[in-house]
C-alpha atoms as a PDB file:
ATOM      1  CA  UNK A   1      -0.076   0.233   0.355  1.00  0.00           C
ATOM      2  CA  UNK A   2       1.125   3.499  -1.022  1.00  0.00           C
ATOM      3  CA  UNK A   3       2.186   5.897   1.917  1.00  0.00           C
ATOM      4  CA  UNK A   4      -0.645   8.257  -0.119  1.00  0.00           C
ATOM      5  CA  UNK A   5      -3.427   5.569   1.161  1.00  0.00           C
ATOM      6  CA  UNK A   6      -1.917   5.546   4.577  1.00  0.00           C
ATOM      7  CA  UNK A   7      -1.757   9.122   4.424  1.00  0.00           C
ATOM      8  CA  UNK A   8      -5.814   9.231   3.534  1.00  0.00           C
ATOM      9  CA  UNK A   9      -6.788   6.492   5.980  1.00  0.00           C
ATOM     10  CA  UNK A  10      -4.752   8.005   8.966  1.00  0.00           C
ATOM     11  CA  UNK A  11      -6.005  11.702   8.148  1.00  0.00           C
ATOM     12  CA  UNK A  12      -9.704  10.550   7.971  1.00  0.00           C
ATOM     13  CA  UNK A  13      -9.899   8.356  10.528  1.00  0.00           C
ATOM     14  CA  UNK A  14      -7.987  10.552  13.183  1.00  0.00           C
ATOM     15  CA  UNK A  15      -9.831  14.029  11.534  1.00  0.00           C
ATOM     16  CA  UNK A  16     -13.309  12.205  12.796  1.00  0.00           C
ATOM     17  CA  UNK A  17     -11.861  10.721  15.709  1.00  0.00           C
ATOM     18  CA  UNK A  18     -11.345  14.438  17.082  1.00  0.00           C
ATOM     19  CA  UNK A  19     -14.452  15.548  15.549  1.00  0.00           C
ATOM     20  CA  UNK A  20     -13.044  17.716  13.260  1.00  0.00           C
ATOM     21  CA  UNK A  21     -15.230  18.654   9.813  1.00  0.00           C
ATOM     22  CA  UNK A  22     -12.757  18.688   7.034  1.00  0.00           C
ATOM     23  CA  UNK A  23     -13.103  22.903   7.359  1.00  0.00           C
ATOM     24  CA  UNK A  24     -12.180  22.388  10.549  1.00  0.00           C
ATOM     25  CA  UNK A  25      -9.214  20.895  10.443  1.00  0.00           C
ATOM     26  CA  UNK A  26      -8.270  22.466   7.383  1.00  0.00           C
ATOM     27  CA  UNK A  27      -8.515  26.198   9.815  1.00  0.00           C
ATOM     28  CA  UNK A  28      -6.511  25.081  11.947  1.00  0.00           C
ATOM     29  CA  UNK A  29      -3.357  23.777  10.094  1.00  0.00           C
ATOM     30  CA  UNK A  30      -4.205  26.780   8.326  1.00  0.00           C
ATOM     31  CA  UNK A  31      -5.005  25.339   4.534  1.00  0.00           C
ATOM     32  CA  UNK A  32      -7.786  24.869   2.647  1.00  0.00           C
ATOM     33  CA  UNK A  33     -10.757  22.908   2.998  1.00  0.00           C
ATOM     34  CA  UNK A  34     -10.857  21.009  -0.588  1.00  0.00           C
ATOM     35  CA  UNK A  35      -7.420  20.608  -0.155  1.00  0.00           C
ATOM     36  CA  UNK A  36      -7.820  17.934   2.959  1.00  0.00           C
ATOM     37  CA  UNK A  37     -10.195  16.820   0.976  1.00  0.00           C
ATOM     38  CA  UNK A  38      -8.090  15.816  -1.911  1.00  0.00           C
ATOM     39  CA  UNK A  39      -5.835  14.358   0.059  1.00  0.00           C
ATOM     40  CA  UNK A  40      -8.874  11.616   1.776  1.00  0.00           C
ATOM     41  CA  UNK A  41      -9.590  10.860  -1.678  1.00  0.00           C
ATOM     42  CA  UNK A  42      -6.039  10.581  -2.766  1.00  0.00           C
ATOM     43  CA  UNK A  43      -5.926  12.975  -4.885  1.00  0.00           C
ATOM     44  CA  UNK A  44      -2.980  14.855  -3.861  1.00  0.00           C
ATOM     45  CA  UNK A  45       0.200  14.351  -1.957  1.00  0.00           C
ATOM     46  CA  UNK A  46       1.495  16.634   0.535  1.00  0.00           C
ATOM     47  CA  UNK A  47       4.811  18.351   1.804  1.00  0.00           C
ATOM     48  CA  UNK A  48       6.193  17.535   5.054  1.00  0.00           C
ATOM     49  CA  UNK A  49       5.736  21.387   5.805  1.00  0.00           C
ATOM     50  CA  UNK A  50       2.097  20.386   5.102  1.00  0.00           C
ATOM     51  CA  UNK A  51       2.469  17.227   6.926  1.00  0.00           C
ATOM     52  CA  UNK A  52       4.139  19.413   9.909  1.00  0.00           C
ATOM     53  CA  UNK A  53       0.822  21.487   9.720  1.00  0.00           C
ATOM     54  CA  UNK A  54      -1.698  18.497   9.671  1.00  0.00           C
ATOM     55  CA  UNK A  55      -0.547  16.466  12.525  1.00  0.00           C
ATOM     56  CA  UNK A  56       0.145  19.543  14.918  1.00  0.00           C
ATOM     57  CA  UNK A  57      -3.529  20.445  14.353  1.00  0.00           C
ATOM     58  CA  UNK A  58      -4.543  16.521  15.022  1.00  0.00           C
ATOM     59  CA  UNK A  59      -2.418  16.264  17.878  1.00  0.00           C
ATOM     60  CA  UNK A  60      -0.191  13.707  16.833  1.00  0.00           C
ATOM     61  CA  UNK A  61       3.287  12.715  15.806  1.00  0.00           C
ATOM     62  CA  UNK A  62       3.940  13.314  11.855  1.00  0.00           C
ATOM     63  CA  UNK A  63       4.733   9.948  11.297  1.00  0.00           C
ATOM     64  CA  UNK A  64       1.429   8.515  12.989  1.00  0.00           C
ATOM     65  CA  UNK A  65      -0.592   9.632   9.251  1.00  0.00           C
ATOM     66  CA  UNK A  66       2.173   7.716   7.684  1.00  0.00           C
ATOM     67  CA  UNK A  67       1.690   4.406   9.436  1.00  0.00           C
ATOM     68  CA  UNK A  68       0.199   1.369   7.515  1.00  0.00           C
ATOM     69  CA  UNK A  69      -3.601   0.328   9.574  1.00  0.00           C
ATOM     70  CA  UNK A  70      -6.345  -2.209   8.136  1.00  0.00           C
ATOM     71  CA  UNK A  71      -8.707  -1.225   5.778  1.00  0.00           C
ATOM     72  CA  UNK A  72     -12.062   0.186   7.270  1.00  0.00           C
ATOM     73  CA  UNK A  73     -14.999  -1.883   6.548  1.00  0.00           C
ATOM     74  CA  UNK A  74     -16.757   0.783   5.442  1.00  0.00           C
ATOM     75  CA  UNK A  75     -13.655   1.867   2.982  1.00  0.00           C
END
């Protein structure tokens, strides 16, 4: 599984676990909501700087967003 897919799954999982909408996460990270959506749909990759911004906004270390996780049943 590619890093982009790990990122997409982890981003959505962590965002929803914290009760954040895509817009709320985007606001906290200083990025556009459509960018969050595109990341969750595996349409975009991101820079290390953006990875840091998103991780900080989610309260996790950046590597957590790239860790392999089993697919969710609804994916």
